[in-house]
N, C-alpha and C. Protein backbone atom coordinates (compact mmCIF):
# COMPACT_ATOMS: atom_id res chain seq x y z
N MET A 1 -11.05 -16.08 -47.99
CA MET A 1 -9.33 -15.78 -47.91
C MET A 1 -8.65 -15.00 -48.54
N THR A 2 -7.65 -14.15 -48.25
CA THR A 2 -7.25 -13.09 -48.84
C THR A 2 -5.83 -13.77 -49.77
N VAL A 3 -5.67 -13.39 -50.74
CA VAL A 3 -4.40 -14.31 -52.26
C VAL A 3 -3.51 -12.74 -51.60
N VAL A 4 -2.55 -13.06 -51.43
CA VAL A 4 -1.27 -12.60 -51.15
C VAL A 4 -0.57 -12.76 -52.48
N PRO A 5 -0.01 -11.80 -53.47
CA PRO A 5 0.64 -12.42 -54.49
C PRO A 5 2.16 -13.00 -54.07
N ALA A 6 2.38 -13.23 -55.06
CA ALA A 6 4.10 -13.63 -54.76
C ALA A 6 4.98 -12.59 -55.32
N PRO A 7 5.84 -12.23 -54.79
CA PRO A 7 6.81 -10.99 -54.74
C PRO A 7 7.55 -11.32 -56.06
N VAL A 8 7.68 -10.28 -56.81
CA VAL A 8 8.30 -10.48 -57.97
C VAL A 8 10.07 -10.20 -57.65
N PRO A 9 10.52 -10.95 -58.09
CA PRO A 9 12.10 -11.19 -57.77
C PRO A 9 12.89 -9.88 -58.71
N GLU A 10 13.69 -9.04 -57.95
CA GLU A 10 14.10 -8.48 -58.55
C GLU A 10 15.49 -8.67 -59.83
N PRO A 11 15.82 -8.10 -60.91
CA PRO A 11 16.81 -8.56 -61.52
C PRO A 11 18.22 -9.03 -60.77
N ARG A 12 18.66 -9.89 -61.21
CA ARG A 12 20.14 -10.37 -60.25
C ARG A 12 21.10 -9.09 -61.07
N VAL A 13 21.84 -9.01 -60.05
CA VAL A 13 23.14 -8.16 -60.38
C VAL A 13 23.69 -9.02 -61.00
N PRO A 14 24.90 -8.45 -61.97
CA PRO A 14 26.08 -9.14 -62.72
C PRO A 14 26.86 -9.42 -61.40
N GLU A 15 27.21 -10.17 -61.10
CA GLU A 15 28.75 -10.58 -60.61
C GLU A 15 29.65 -10.01 -60.68
N ARG A 16 30.19 -10.00 -60.02
CA ARG A 16 31.95 -8.72 -60.50
C ARG A 16 32.78 -10.03 -60.87
N PRO A 17 33.06 -9.64 -61.53
CA PRO A 17 34.16 -10.77 -62.24
C PRO A 17 35.10 -10.86 -61.18
N VAL A 18 35.79 -11.74 -60.63
CA VAL A 18 36.41 -11.97 -59.85
C VAL A 18 38.36 -12.51 -60.60
N ASP A 19 38.94 -11.54 -60.13
CA ASP A 19 40.55 -11.23 -60.47
C ASP A 19 41.44 -11.20 -59.46
N ILE A 20 41.68 -12.49 -59.34
CA ILE A 20 42.53 -13.48 -57.65
C ILE A 20 44.18 -12.84 -58.20
N ARG A 21 44.23 -12.19 -57.19
CA ARG A 21 46.18 -11.96 -57.49
C ARG A 21 46.89 -12.37 -56.08
N LEU A 22 48.15 -13.16 -56.58
CA LEU A 22 49.09 -13.10 -55.15
C LEU A 22 49.82 -12.06 -54.96
N THR A 23 50.08 -11.65 -53.79
CA THR A 23 51.08 -10.95 -53.47
C THR A 23 51.81 -11.48 -52.43
N PHE A 24 53.21 -11.03 -52.54
CA PHE A 24 54.15 -11.70 -51.31
C PHE A 24 53.87 -10.19 -50.31
N ARG A 25 54.21 -9.93 -48.84
CA ARG A 25 53.48 -8.99 -48.01
C ARG A 25 54.68 -9.54 -46.78
N LEU A 26 54.66 -8.59 -45.69
CA LEU A 26 55.22 -8.46 -44.44
C LEU A 26 54.05 -8.16 -43.92
N LEU A 27 53.85 -9.31 -42.98
CA LEU A 27 52.44 -9.18 -41.91
C LEU A 27 52.95 -9.41 -40.33
N LEU A 28 52.53 -8.50 -39.91
CA LEU A 28 52.52 -8.01 -38.26
C LEU A 28 51.34 -8.18 -37.28
N ALA A 29 51.42 -9.02 -36.40
CA ALA A 29 49.87 -9.33 -35.92
C ALA A 29 50.29 -9.23 -34.38
N VAL A 30 49.56 -8.80 -33.66
CA VAL A 30 49.60 -7.76 -32.19
C VAL A 30 48.48 -8.06 -31.27
N ASP A 31 48.56 -8.75 -30.39
CA ASP A 31 47.67 -9.12 -29.51
C ASP A 31 47.60 -8.76 -27.96
N ILE A 32 46.53 -7.82 -27.35
CA ILE A 32 46.73 -7.86 -26.08
C ILE A 32 46.74 -8.97 -25.15
N GLN A 33 47.58 -9.17 -23.93
CA GLN A 33 47.34 -10.02 -23.13
C GLN A 33 46.24 -10.11 -21.77
N GLY A 34 45.56 -10.85 -21.44
CA GLY A 34 44.43 -10.42 -20.61
C GLY A 34 43.37 -9.22 -20.95
N TYR A 35 43.14 -9.43 -21.89
CA TYR A 35 42.20 -8.54 -22.89
C TYR A 35 40.82 -8.68 -22.48
N SER A 36 40.54 -10.01 -22.31
CA SER A 36 39.32 -10.46 -21.87
C SER A 36 38.63 -10.15 -20.30
N LEU A 37 40.14 -10.12 -19.53
CA LEU A 37 39.54 -9.80 -18.22
C LEU A 37 39.61 -8.67 -17.71
N ARG A 38 39.47 -7.56 -18.59
CA ARG A 38 39.63 -6.31 -18.36
C ARG A 38 37.57 -5.79 -18.15
N THR A 39 37.61 -4.69 -17.32
CA THR A 39 36.20 -4.50 -17.90
C THR A 39 36.20 -3.25 -19.05
N PRO A 40 34.75 -3.41 -19.44
CA PRO A 40 34.71 -2.50 -20.80
C PRO A 40 35.82 -0.97 -20.61
N ARG A 41 35.52 -0.19 -19.46
CA ARG A 41 36.09 1.24 -19.99
C ARG A 41 37.99 0.69 -19.91
N MET A 42 38.45 -0.66 -19.21
CA MET A 42 39.75 -0.53 -19.52
C MET A 42 40.14 -1.47 -20.89
N GLN A 43 38.98 -1.94 -21.44
CA GLN A 43 39.18 -2.50 -22.70
C GLN A 43 39.39 -1.06 -23.88
N VAL A 44 38.71 -0.41 -23.56
CA VAL A 44 38.79 1.01 -24.58
C VAL A 44 40.12 1.64 -24.22
N ALA A 45 40.89 1.68 -22.77
CA ALA A 45 42.10 2.61 -22.55
C ALA A 45 42.78 1.48 -23.28
N ALA A 46 42.83 0.07 -23.12
CA ALA A 46 43.72 -0.70 -23.84
C ALA A 46 43.95 -0.52 -25.31
N GLN A 47 42.76 -0.62 -25.96
CA GLN A 47 42.74 -0.26 -27.36
C GLN A 47 43.60 1.07 -27.67
N LEU A 48 43.24 2.14 -27.09
CA LEU A 48 44.12 3.27 -27.03
C LEU A 48 45.25 3.65 -26.63
N ASP A 49 45.75 2.96 -25.66
CA ASP A 49 47.31 2.73 -25.34
C ASP A 49 48.10 1.85 -26.77
N LEU A 50 47.40 0.78 -26.75
CA LEU A 50 48.49 -0.33 -28.16
C LEU A 50 48.01 0.58 -29.10
N LEU A 51 47.44 1.37 -29.55
CA LEU A 51 47.23 2.33 -31.02
C LEU A 51 48.41 3.24 -30.53
N ASP A 52 48.55 3.91 -29.63
CA ASP A 52 49.87 4.97 -29.26
C ASP A 52 51.22 4.18 -29.09
N ALA A 53 51.22 3.40 -28.40
CA ALA A 53 52.46 2.51 -28.51
C ALA A 53 52.75 2.00 -29.89
N MET A 54 52.01 1.72 -30.77
CA MET A 54 52.25 1.28 -32.52
C MET A 54 52.80 2.40 -32.67
N GLU A 55 51.95 3.43 -32.49
CA GLU A 55 52.10 4.87 -33.04
C GLU A 55 53.66 5.10 -33.09
N ARG A 56 53.89 5.46 -31.90
CA ARG A 56 55.12 5.77 -31.20
C ARG A 56 56.37 4.54 -31.78
N ALA A 57 56.02 3.49 -31.63
CA ALA A 57 57.20 2.47 -32.55
C ALA A 57 57.57 2.54 -33.64
N ALA A 58 56.13 2.50 -34.25
CA ALA A 58 56.99 3.09 -36.20
C ALA A 58 57.41 4.35 -36.64
N ALA A 59 57.00 5.57 -35.97
CA ALA A 59 57.89 6.30 -35.66
C ALA A 59 59.17 6.75 -35.49
N ASP A 60 59.94 5.73 -34.41
CA ASP A 60 60.94 5.07 -34.14
C ASP A 60 62.00 4.41 -35.23
N ALA A 61 60.92 3.38 -36.01
CA ALA A 61 61.72 2.75 -37.03
C ALA A 61 61.81 3.35 -38.33
N GLY A 62 61.27 4.85 -38.25
CA GLY A 62 60.80 5.25 -39.47
C GLY A 62 59.74 4.88 -40.68
N LEU A 63 58.49 4.19 -40.33
CA LEU A 63 57.88 3.12 -40.46
C LEU A 63 56.57 4.47 -40.81
N ASP A 64 55.42 4.39 -41.75
CA ASP A 64 54.00 4.95 -41.87
C ASP A 64 53.59 4.26 -41.46
N ARG A 65 52.95 4.20 -40.72
CA ARG A 65 51.80 3.07 -40.28
C ARG A 65 50.27 3.53 -40.67
N ALA A 66 50.32 4.78 -40.80
CA ALA A 66 48.78 5.01 -42.11
C ALA A 66 48.93 4.03 -43.34
N ALA A 67 49.92 3.69 -43.78
CA ALA A 67 50.15 2.72 -45.25
C ALA A 67 49.95 1.58 -44.78
N TRP A 68 49.28 0.96 -43.48
CA TRP A 68 49.40 -0.53 -43.48
C TRP A 68 47.74 -1.10 -43.59
N ALA A 69 47.48 -1.63 -43.72
CA ALA A 69 46.11 -2.16 -44.29
C ALA A 69 46.20 -3.17 -43.07
N GLN A 70 45.17 -2.81 -42.36
CA GLN A 70 44.75 -3.32 -40.97
C GLN A 70 43.42 -4.05 -40.77
N GLN A 71 43.30 -5.15 -40.23
CA GLN A 71 42.33 -5.82 -39.81
C GLN A 71 42.25 -5.82 -38.26
N VAL A 72 41.51 -5.11 -37.82
CA VAL A 72 41.70 -4.97 -36.21
C VAL A 72 40.24 -5.79 -35.72
N ALA A 73 40.29 -6.35 -34.42
CA ALA A 73 39.88 -6.72 -33.62
C ALA A 73 39.82 -6.09 -32.16
N GLY A 74 39.04 -6.39 -31.38
CA GLY A 74 39.08 -5.48 -29.82
C GLY A 74 40.58 -5.74 -29.34
N ASP A 75 41.05 -6.97 -29.57
CA ASP A 75 42.36 -6.97 -28.44
C ASP A 75 43.51 -7.19 -29.26
N GLY A 76 43.15 -6.83 -30.60
CA GLY A 76 44.79 -6.83 -31.37
C GLY A 76 44.70 -6.46 -32.95
N VAL A 77 45.66 -6.37 -33.58
CA VAL A 77 45.30 -6.09 -34.94
C VAL A 77 46.27 -7.03 -35.71
N LEU A 78 46.03 -7.79 -37.03
CA LEU A 78 46.21 -7.84 -37.98
C LEU A 78 46.73 -7.20 -39.17
N ALA A 79 47.96 -6.60 -39.36
CA ALA A 79 48.84 -5.74 -40.44
C ALA A 79 49.55 -6.83 -41.76
N VAL A 80 49.15 -5.81 -42.64
CA VAL A 80 49.98 -6.11 -44.14
C VAL A 80 50.76 -4.50 -44.59
N LEU A 81 51.95 -4.97 -44.18
CA LEU A 81 53.04 -3.78 -44.77
C LEU A 81 53.07 -3.49 -46.13
N PRO A 82 52.94 -2.05 -46.71
CA PRO A 82 53.32 -1.92 -48.22
C PRO A 82 54.44 -2.66 -48.26
N ASP A 83 54.30 -3.08 -49.65
CA ASP A 83 55.25 -3.72 -50.18
C ASP A 83 56.75 -3.50 -50.07
N ASP A 84 56.83 -2.00 -50.05
CA ASP A 84 58.08 -1.25 -49.95
C ASP A 84 58.78 -1.70 -48.65
N ALA A 85 57.82 -2.08 -47.47
CA ALA A 85 58.27 -2.31 -45.95
C ALA A 85 59.93 -2.97 -46.13
N ASP A 86 60.62 -2.44 -45.04
CA ASP A 86 62.08 -3.36 -45.17
C ASP A 86 62.00 -3.97 -44.27
N ILE A 87 61.89 -5.49 -44.33
CA ILE A 87 61.66 -6.81 -43.72
C ILE A 87 62.81 -6.41 -41.85
N VAL A 88 63.82 -6.02 -42.47
CA VAL A 88 65.19 -5.74 -41.37
C VAL A 88 64.72 -4.85 -40.41
N THR A 89 64.31 -3.75 -40.42
CA THR A 89 64.03 -2.73 -39.94
C THR A 89 62.84 -3.16 -38.76
N VAL A 90 61.30 -3.12 -39.58
CA VAL A 90 60.55 -3.97 -38.81
C VAL A 90 61.21 -5.31 -37.53
N THR A 91 61.72 -5.59 -38.32
CA THR A 91 61.97 -6.77 -37.38
C THR A 91 62.81 -6.51 -36.32
N GLY A 92 63.92 -5.84 -36.50
CA GLY A 92 65.04 -5.35 -35.75
C GLY A 92 65.17 -3.77 -35.07
N VAL A 93 64.38 -3.21 -35.16
CA VAL A 93 63.78 -1.69 -34.69
C VAL A 93 62.41 -1.68 -34.40
N PHE A 94 61.64 -1.93 -35.28
CA PHE A 94 60.28 -1.94 -34.64
C PHE A 94 59.69 -2.15 -32.91
N ALA A 95 60.07 -4.04 -33.26
CA ALA A 95 60.16 -4.30 -32.30
C ALA A 95 60.24 -3.98 -30.81
N PRO A 96 61.74 -3.64 -30.89
CA PRO A 96 62.63 -3.18 -29.68
C PRO A 96 61.80 -1.78 -29.48
N ALA A 97 61.07 -1.29 -30.28
CA ALA A 97 60.85 0.47 -30.31
C ALA A 97 59.22 -0.08 -29.73
N LEU A 98 58.61 -1.39 -29.64
CA LEU A 98 57.19 -1.01 -29.01
C LEU A 98 57.50 -1.58 -27.62
N GLU A 99 58.40 -2.12 -27.30
CA GLU A 99 58.71 -2.99 -26.08
C GLU A 99 59.11 -1.39 -25.25
N ARG A 100 59.92 -0.43 -25.96
CA ARG A 100 60.34 0.80 -24.98
C ARG A 100 58.92 1.63 -24.79
N ALA A 101 58.23 1.34 -25.69
CA ALA A 101 56.83 2.77 -25.92
C ALA A 101 55.75 1.84 -24.59
N LEU A 102 55.71 0.77 -24.67
CA LEU A 102 54.82 0.21 -23.36
C LEU A 102 55.77 0.40 -22.31
N ALA A 103 56.70 0.50 -21.83
CA ALA A 103 57.55 0.78 -21.11
C ALA A 103 56.95 2.01 -20.55
N ALA A 104 57.18 2.89 -21.38
CA ALA A 104 57.19 4.51 -21.05
C ALA A 104 55.52 4.42 -20.80
N LEU A 105 54.78 4.07 -21.64
CA LEU A 105 53.06 4.44 -21.10
C LEU A 105 53.37 3.79 -19.94
N GLU A 106 53.59 2.53 -18.80
CA GLU A 106 53.50 2.22 -17.50
C GLU A 106 54.34 3.67 -16.60
N GLU A 107 55.02 3.98 -17.09
CA GLU A 107 56.05 5.00 -16.43
C GLU A 107 55.07 6.37 -16.37
N ARG A 108 54.61 6.61 -17.48
CA ARG A 108 53.50 7.67 -17.52
C ARG A 108 52.04 7.18 -16.54
N GLY A 109 51.36 6.06 -16.66
CA GLY A 109 50.28 6.36 -16.47
C GLY A 109 50.19 5.40 -14.86
N GLY A 110 51.43 4.63 -14.63
CA GLY A 110 51.70 3.66 -13.40
C GLY A 110 51.22 2.29 -13.88
N PRO A 111 51.36 1.50 -12.86
CA PRO A 111 51.16 0.11 -12.89
C PRO A 111 49.87 -0.76 -13.73
N GLY A 112 48.83 0.20 -12.79
CA GLY A 112 47.94 -0.54 -13.52
C GLY A 112 46.98 0.28 -14.94
N ARG A 113 47.93 0.80 -15.78
CA ARG A 113 48.26 1.21 -16.88
C ARG A 113 48.87 -0.03 -17.82
N ARG A 114 49.62 -0.56 -17.17
CA ARG A 114 50.55 -1.62 -17.95
C ARG A 114 49.34 -2.26 -19.16
N LEU A 115 50.50 -2.54 -20.41
CA LEU A 115 49.93 -3.12 -21.47
C LEU A 115 51.15 -3.85 -21.77
N ARG A 116 51.01 -5.59 -21.86
CA ARG A 116 51.63 -6.80 -22.44
C ARG A 116 51.06 -6.89 -23.49
N VAL A 117 52.05 -7.46 -24.44
CA VAL A 117 51.35 -7.96 -26.02
C VAL A 117 52.27 -9.19 -26.58
N ARG A 118 51.85 -9.83 -27.75
CA ARG A 118 52.18 -10.64 -28.34
C ARG A 118 52.30 -9.93 -29.53
N LEU A 119 53.70 -10.46 -30.25
CA LEU A 119 53.94 -9.90 -31.78
C LEU A 119 54.64 -10.88 -32.61
N ALA A 120 53.70 -11.03 -33.21
CA ALA A 120 54.10 -12.22 -34.58
C ALA A 120 54.89 -11.42 -36.13
N LEU A 121 55.65 -11.56 -36.42
CA LEU A 121 55.89 -11.32 -37.86
C LEU A 121 56.09 -12.55 -38.93
N HIS A 122 55.70 -12.33 -40.11
CA HIS A 122 56.01 -13.11 -41.30
C HIS A 122 56.25 -12.59 -42.70
N HIS A 123 56.42 -13.23 -43.42
CA HIS A 123 56.64 -12.87 -44.74
C HIS A 123 56.14 -13.94 -45.64
N GLY A 124 55.00 -13.84 -46.74
CA GLY A 124 54.48 -14.41 -47.43
C GLY A 124 53.58 -14.43 -48.23
N ALA A 125 52.48 -15.05 -49.10
CA ALA A 125 52.12 -15.11 -50.43
C ALA A 125 50.49 -14.61 -49.38
N LEU A 126 49.52 -13.89 -50.00
CA LEU A 126 48.34 -13.47 -49.63
C LEU A 126 47.51 -12.96 -51.04
N ILE A 127 46.64 -12.71 -50.47
CA ILE A 127 45.24 -11.97 -51.55
C ILE A 127 44.86 -10.90 -50.21
N ILE A 128 44.99 -10.08 -51.16
CA ILE A 128 44.57 -8.46 -50.23
C ILE A 128 43.59 -7.40 -51.26
N GLY A 129 42.48 -7.19 -50.36
CA GLY A 129 41.70 -5.99 -51.64
C GLY A 129 40.66 -7.49 -51.99
N TRP A 130 39.89 -6.87 -53.11
CA TRP A 130 38.97 -7.49 -53.89
C TRP A 130 39.83 -8.85 -54.35
N PRO A 131 38.85 -9.89 -53.84
CA PRO A 131 37.55 -10.24 -53.59
C PRO A 131 37.62 -11.08 -52.29
N ALA A 132 39.26 -10.42 -51.67
CA ALA A 132 38.73 -10.58 -50.36
C ALA A 132 38.45 -9.92 -49.36
N VAL A 133 36.78 -9.41 -49.27
CA VAL A 133 36.45 -8.52 -48.76
C VAL A 133 36.34 -8.30 -47.07
N LEU A 134 36.58 -9.53 -46.34
CA LEU A 134 36.51 -9.45 -45.26
C LEU A 134 38.24 -9.51 -44.34
N GLY A 135 39.03 -9.47 -45.46
CA GLY A 135 40.36 -9.53 -44.90
C GLY A 135 41.05 -10.20 -45.69
N PRO A 136 42.66 -10.39 -45.16
CA PRO A 136 43.68 -10.98 -46.11
C PRO A 136 43.50 -11.82 -46.27
N ALA A 137 43.58 -13.00 -47.31
CA ALA A 137 43.43 -14.48 -47.62
C ALA A 137 44.71 -15.24 -48.14
N GLY A 138 44.67 -16.50 -47.50
CA GLY A 138 45.78 -16.85 -47.96
C GLY A 138 46.87 -17.69 -47.07
N HIS A 139 47.94 -18.65 -46.88
CA HIS A 139 48.66 -19.02 -46.36
C HIS A 139 49.13 -18.20 -45.42
N ALA A 140 49.76 -16.95 -45.97
CA ALA A 140 50.55 -16.33 -44.86
C ALA A 140 49.53 -15.63 -43.52
N PRO A 141 48.63 -15.12 -43.91
CA PRO A 141 47.95 -14.69 -42.58
C PRO A 141 47.57 -15.67 -41.46
N VAL A 142 46.91 -16.88 -41.91
CA VAL A 142 47.27 -18.14 -41.20
C VAL A 142 47.84 -18.13 -40.30
N VAL A 143 49.29 -18.69 -40.83
CA VAL A 143 50.44 -18.71 -40.45
C VAL A 143 51.07 -17.52 -39.18
N VAL A 144 50.74 -16.49 -39.41
CA VAL A 144 51.22 -15.39 -38.94
C VAL A 144 50.24 -15.42 -37.09
N SER A 145 48.77 -15.70 -37.85
CA SER A 145 47.83 -15.57 -36.40
C SER A 145 48.23 -17.11 -35.85
N ARG A 146 48.50 -17.98 -36.33
CA ARG A 146 48.92 -19.10 -35.37
C ARG A 146 50.09 -19.16 -34.87
N LEU A 147 51.21 -18.01 -35.29
CA LEU A 147 52.56 -18.15 -34.35
C LEU A 147 51.79 -17.24 -33.23
N LEU A 148 51.06 -16.29 -33.77
CA LEU A 148 50.84 -15.02 -32.40
C LEU A 148 49.92 -15.74 -31.31
N ASP A 149 49.05 -17.15 -31.44
CA ASP A 149 48.40 -17.94 -30.54
C ASP A 149 48.99 -19.01 -30.18
N ALA A 150 50.28 -19.26 -30.45
CA ALA A 150 51.25 -20.55 -30.13
C ALA A 150 51.42 -20.28 -28.35
N ARG A 151 51.40 -21.72 -27.70
CA ARG A 151 51.54 -21.54 -26.58
C ARG A 151 52.69 -21.18 -26.24
N PRO A 152 53.73 -21.68 -26.73
CA PRO A 152 55.03 -20.69 -26.19
C PRO A 152 55.23 -18.99 -25.98
N VAL A 153 54.48 -18.96 -26.77
CA VAL A 153 54.50 -17.41 -26.55
C VAL A 153 53.58 -16.77 -25.46
N ARG A 154 52.60 -17.44 -25.41
CA ARG A 154 51.77 -16.66 -24.28
C ARG A 154 52.50 -17.40 -23.08
N ARG A 155 53.09 -18.60 -23.16
CA ARG A 155 53.96 -18.74 -21.42
C ARG A 155 55.13 -17.64 -20.84
N TYR A 156 55.78 -17.26 -22.57
CA TYR A 156 56.50 -16.54 -22.49
C TYR A 156 56.42 -14.88 -21.61
N LEU A 157 55.40 -14.89 -21.80
CA LEU A 157 54.96 -13.53 -20.79
C LEU A 157 54.78 -14.10 -19.36
N ASP A 158 53.90 -14.72 -19.05
CA ASP A 158 54.11 -15.64 -17.99
C ASP A 158 55.41 -15.60 -17.32
N ALA A 159 56.21 -16.52 -17.74
CA ALA A 159 57.45 -16.56 -17.23
C ALA A 159 58.34 -15.22 -17.19
N HIS A 160 58.25 -14.54 -17.98
CA HIS A 160 59.00 -12.93 -17.80
C HIS A 160 58.25 -11.86 -17.54
N PRO A 161 57.66 -11.66 -16.13
CA PRO A 161 57.37 -10.58 -16.11
C PRO A 161 57.46 -8.92 -16.25
N GLU A 162 58.97 -8.76 -16.31
CA GLU A 162 59.78 -8.15 -16.69
C GLU A 162 59.13 -7.21 -18.34
N ARG A 163 58.90 -8.12 -19.09
CA ARG A 163 58.97 -7.68 -20.23
C ARG A 163 57.59 -7.80 -20.83
N ASN A 164 57.39 -6.64 -21.67
CA ASN A 164 56.21 -6.10 -22.44
C ASN A 164 55.59 -6.88 -23.36
N VAL A 165 56.47 -7.23 -24.43
CA VAL A 165 56.26 -8.02 -25.61
C VAL A 165 57.19 -9.44 -25.97
N ALA A 166 56.47 -9.86 -26.42
CA ALA A 166 56.78 -11.58 -26.63
C ALA A 166 56.95 -11.52 -28.15
N LEU A 167 57.78 -11.69 -28.65
CA LEU A 167 58.25 -11.04 -29.85
C LEU A 167 58.35 -12.99 -30.44
N ILE A 168 57.54 -13.43 -31.48
CA ILE A 168 57.88 -14.73 -32.13
C ILE A 168 57.93 -14.15 -33.41
N VAL A 169 59.09 -14.71 -34.59
CA VAL A 169 58.95 -14.72 -36.15
C VAL A 169 59.24 -16.26 -36.91
N SER A 170 58.94 -15.78 -37.51
CA SER A 170 58.62 -17.09 -38.93
C SER A 170 59.78 -17.95 -38.92
N ASP A 171 59.75 -19.11 -39.36
CA ASP A 171 61.01 -19.76 -39.97
C ASP A 171 61.57 -19.02 -40.95
N LEU A 172 61.02 -18.41 -42.15
CA LEU A 172 61.36 -17.48 -43.22
C LEU A 172 62.20 -16.42 -42.41
N ILE A 173 61.40 -15.61 -41.68
CA ILE A 173 61.91 -14.40 -41.06
C ILE A 173 63.15 -14.77 -40.79
N TYR A 174 63.52 -15.40 -39.78
CA TYR A 174 64.54 -16.04 -38.94
C TYR A 174 65.44 -16.41 -39.87
N HIS A 175 65.58 -17.18 -40.44
CA HIS A 175 66.84 -17.42 -41.39
C HIS A 175 67.00 -16.77 -42.40
N ASP A 176 66.08 -15.69 -42.99
CA ASP A 176 66.34 -14.75 -44.51
C ASP A 176 66.69 -13.43 -43.43
N VAL A 177 66.27 -12.93 -42.30
CA VAL A 177 66.69 -11.85 -41.96
C VAL A 177 67.72 -12.09 -40.82
N VAL A 178 66.99 -12.10 -39.85
CA VAL A 178 67.78 -12.28 -38.60
C VAL A 178 69.31 -13.46 -38.47
N ASP A 179 69.00 -14.38 -39.26
CA ASP A 179 70.00 -15.26 -39.05
C ASP A 179 71.12 -14.55 -39.98
N SER A 180 71.02 -13.90 -41.27
CA SER A 180 71.63 -13.00 -42.17
C SER A 180 72.53 -12.17 -41.50
N GLY A 181 72.39 -11.54 -40.12
CA GLY A 181 73.43 -10.49 -39.30
C GLY A 181 73.14 -9.34 -39.73
N LEU A 182 72.29 -8.99 -40.67
CA LEU A 182 71.64 -7.64 -41.12
C LEU A 182 70.80 -6.91 -39.90
N CYS A 183 70.09 -7.83 -39.26
CA CYS A 183 69.05 -7.71 -38.17
C CYS A 183 69.97 -7.27 -36.83
N ALA A 184 69.33 -5.98 -36.14
CA ALA A 184 69.62 -5.70 -35.02
C ALA A 184 69.74 -6.49 -33.87
N LEU A 185 68.64 -7.41 -33.91
CA LEU A 185 68.74 -8.66 -32.97
C LEU A 185 69.29 -9.91 -33.53
N PRO A 186 70.52 -10.01 -32.52
CA PRO A 186 70.97 -11.30 -32.40
C PRO A 186 70.21 -12.69 -32.96
N PRO A 187 70.66 -13.75 -33.86
CA PRO A 187 70.08 -14.55 -33.52
C PRO A 187 70.51 -15.19 -32.45
N THR A 188 71.51 -15.52 -31.49
CA THR A 188 71.62 -16.24 -30.27
C THR A 188 70.45 -16.05 -29.54
N LEU A 189 70.01 -15.08 -29.65
CA LEU A 189 68.87 -14.76 -28.70
C LEU A 189 67.78 -15.08 -28.97
N PHE A 190 67.44 -15.96 -29.98
CA PHE A 190 66.24 -16.36 -30.23
C PHE A 190 66.50 -17.96 -30.26
N ARG A 191 64.82 -18.47 -29.78
CA ARG A 191 65.10 -19.99 -29.81
C ARG A 191 64.16 -20.93 -30.46
N GLN A 192 63.92 -21.70 -30.77
CA GLN A 192 62.88 -22.46 -31.86
C GLN A 192 61.94 -22.89 -31.27
N VAL A 193 60.64 -22.48 -31.31
CA VAL A 193 59.39 -23.43 -30.63
C VAL A 193 58.51 -23.75 -31.95
N ARG A 194 58.07 -24.90 -31.32
CA ARG A 194 57.07 -25.79 -32.06
C ARG A 194 55.48 -26.00 -31.33
N THR A 195 54.50 -25.57 -32.22
CA THR A 195 53.35 -25.75 -31.67
C THR A 195 52.45 -26.35 -32.61
N VAL A 196 51.68 -26.94 -32.08
CA VAL A 196 50.26 -27.66 -33.12
C VAL A 196 49.07 -26.62 -32.75
N ILE A 197 48.02 -26.44 -33.54
CA ILE A 197 47.02 -25.59 -33.57
C ILE A 197 46.44 -26.30 -34.73
N LYS A 198 45.46 -26.70 -34.54
CA LYS A 198 44.06 -27.39 -35.02
C LYS A 198 44.92 -28.29 -36.38
N GLY A 199 45.52 -29.05 -35.38
CA GLY A 199 46.37 -30.22 -35.83
C GLY A 199 47.15 -30.22 -37.06
N VAL A 200 47.62 -28.65 -36.89
CA VAL A 200 48.81 -28.51 -37.89
C VAL A 200 49.90 -28.00 -37.49
N GLN A 201 51.10 -28.23 -37.53
CA GLN A 201 52.55 -27.76 -36.71
C GLN A 201 53.07 -26.69 -37.48
N HIS A 202 53.16 -25.69 -36.43
CA HIS A 202 53.80 -24.17 -37.20
C HIS A 202 54.83 -24.10 -36.23
N ALA A 203 56.21 -23.97 -36.96
CA ALA A 203 57.54 -23.31 -35.95
C ALA A 203 57.78 -22.37 -36.36
N GLY A 204 58.26 -21.50 -35.52
CA GLY A 204 58.80 -20.11 -35.12
C GLY A 204 59.94 -20.07 -34.41
N TRP A 205 60.30 -18.63 -34.14
CA TRP A 205 61.91 -18.44 -33.43
C TRP A 205 61.09 -17.23 -32.15
N LEU A 206 61.05 -17.57 -30.78
CA LEU A 206 60.71 -17.15 -30.03
C LEU A 206 62.11 -15.96 -29.39
N TYR A 207 61.80 -14.62 -29.33
CA TYR A 207 63.09 -13.50 -29.05
C TYR A 207 63.14 -13.75 -27.60
N ASP A 208 64.49 -14.04 -27.10
CA ASP A 208 64.37 -14.16 -25.42
C ASP A 208 65.68 -13.49 -25.22
N PRO A 209 65.39 -12.11 -25.07
CA PRO A 209 66.83 -11.15 -24.77
C PRO A 209 67.80 -11.61 -23.45
N GLY A 210 67.10 -12.41 -22.46
CA GLY A 210 67.67 -12.74 -21.22
C GLY A 210 68.35 -14.23 -21.35
N ARG A 211 68.26 -14.84 -22.88
CA ARG A 211 68.82 -15.82 -23.11
C ARG A 211 70.41 -16.23 -22.68
N VAL A 212 71.06 -17.12 -22.19
CA VAL A 212 72.31 -17.54 -22.83
C VAL A 212 72.57 -18.62 -23.42
N PRO A 213 73.45 -17.70 -24.51
CA PRO A 213 73.58 -18.62 -25.99
C PRO A 213 74.40 -20.00 -25.65
N ALA A 214 74.23 -20.68 -26.13
CA ALA A 214 74.59 -22.14 -26.23
C ALA A 214 76.18 -22.11 -26.52
């Protein structure tokens, strides 16, 4: 019988000290509608088209998209914007600019090239950078992701085939930014929606430019 000696354990590397700091940032989440129904080639095209549309919308809004910290998935992006990002501009200018960029994309590429997305905005506390090594952590990333996945937002695109962007903003952004009157988007064109995801209720405000104010 051959005796195999047990491996000698390597010296343990001292753990990096954990210095957790909360910061408050504007978060933006985008998701492509019907991504999983596309062929691999079409998925790649959709990714490139979304990147192009976001670049164009950011340029129209005077934003430096290269400064955004991004967590990407095949069908979308979760972006943490710099601490000097202007919430009023992102809400009132970037969102409509993205709608225009996607409409122009369809004009250039034809109906089969059409790209429709859900867009969610929130401002709140999160941990970014070490030790959140897999992406931003905290309540704010969860909130913006839940709003993005809210059923009323998905239904909005189904009910409004003329629209390319379904925009939802958090309660905080609606009351502090939209309802302030400083935003380019009128508060009368938003309606409050609620959704329950994983047993937790989330409230947001859905932008509906075709809505008749009460």
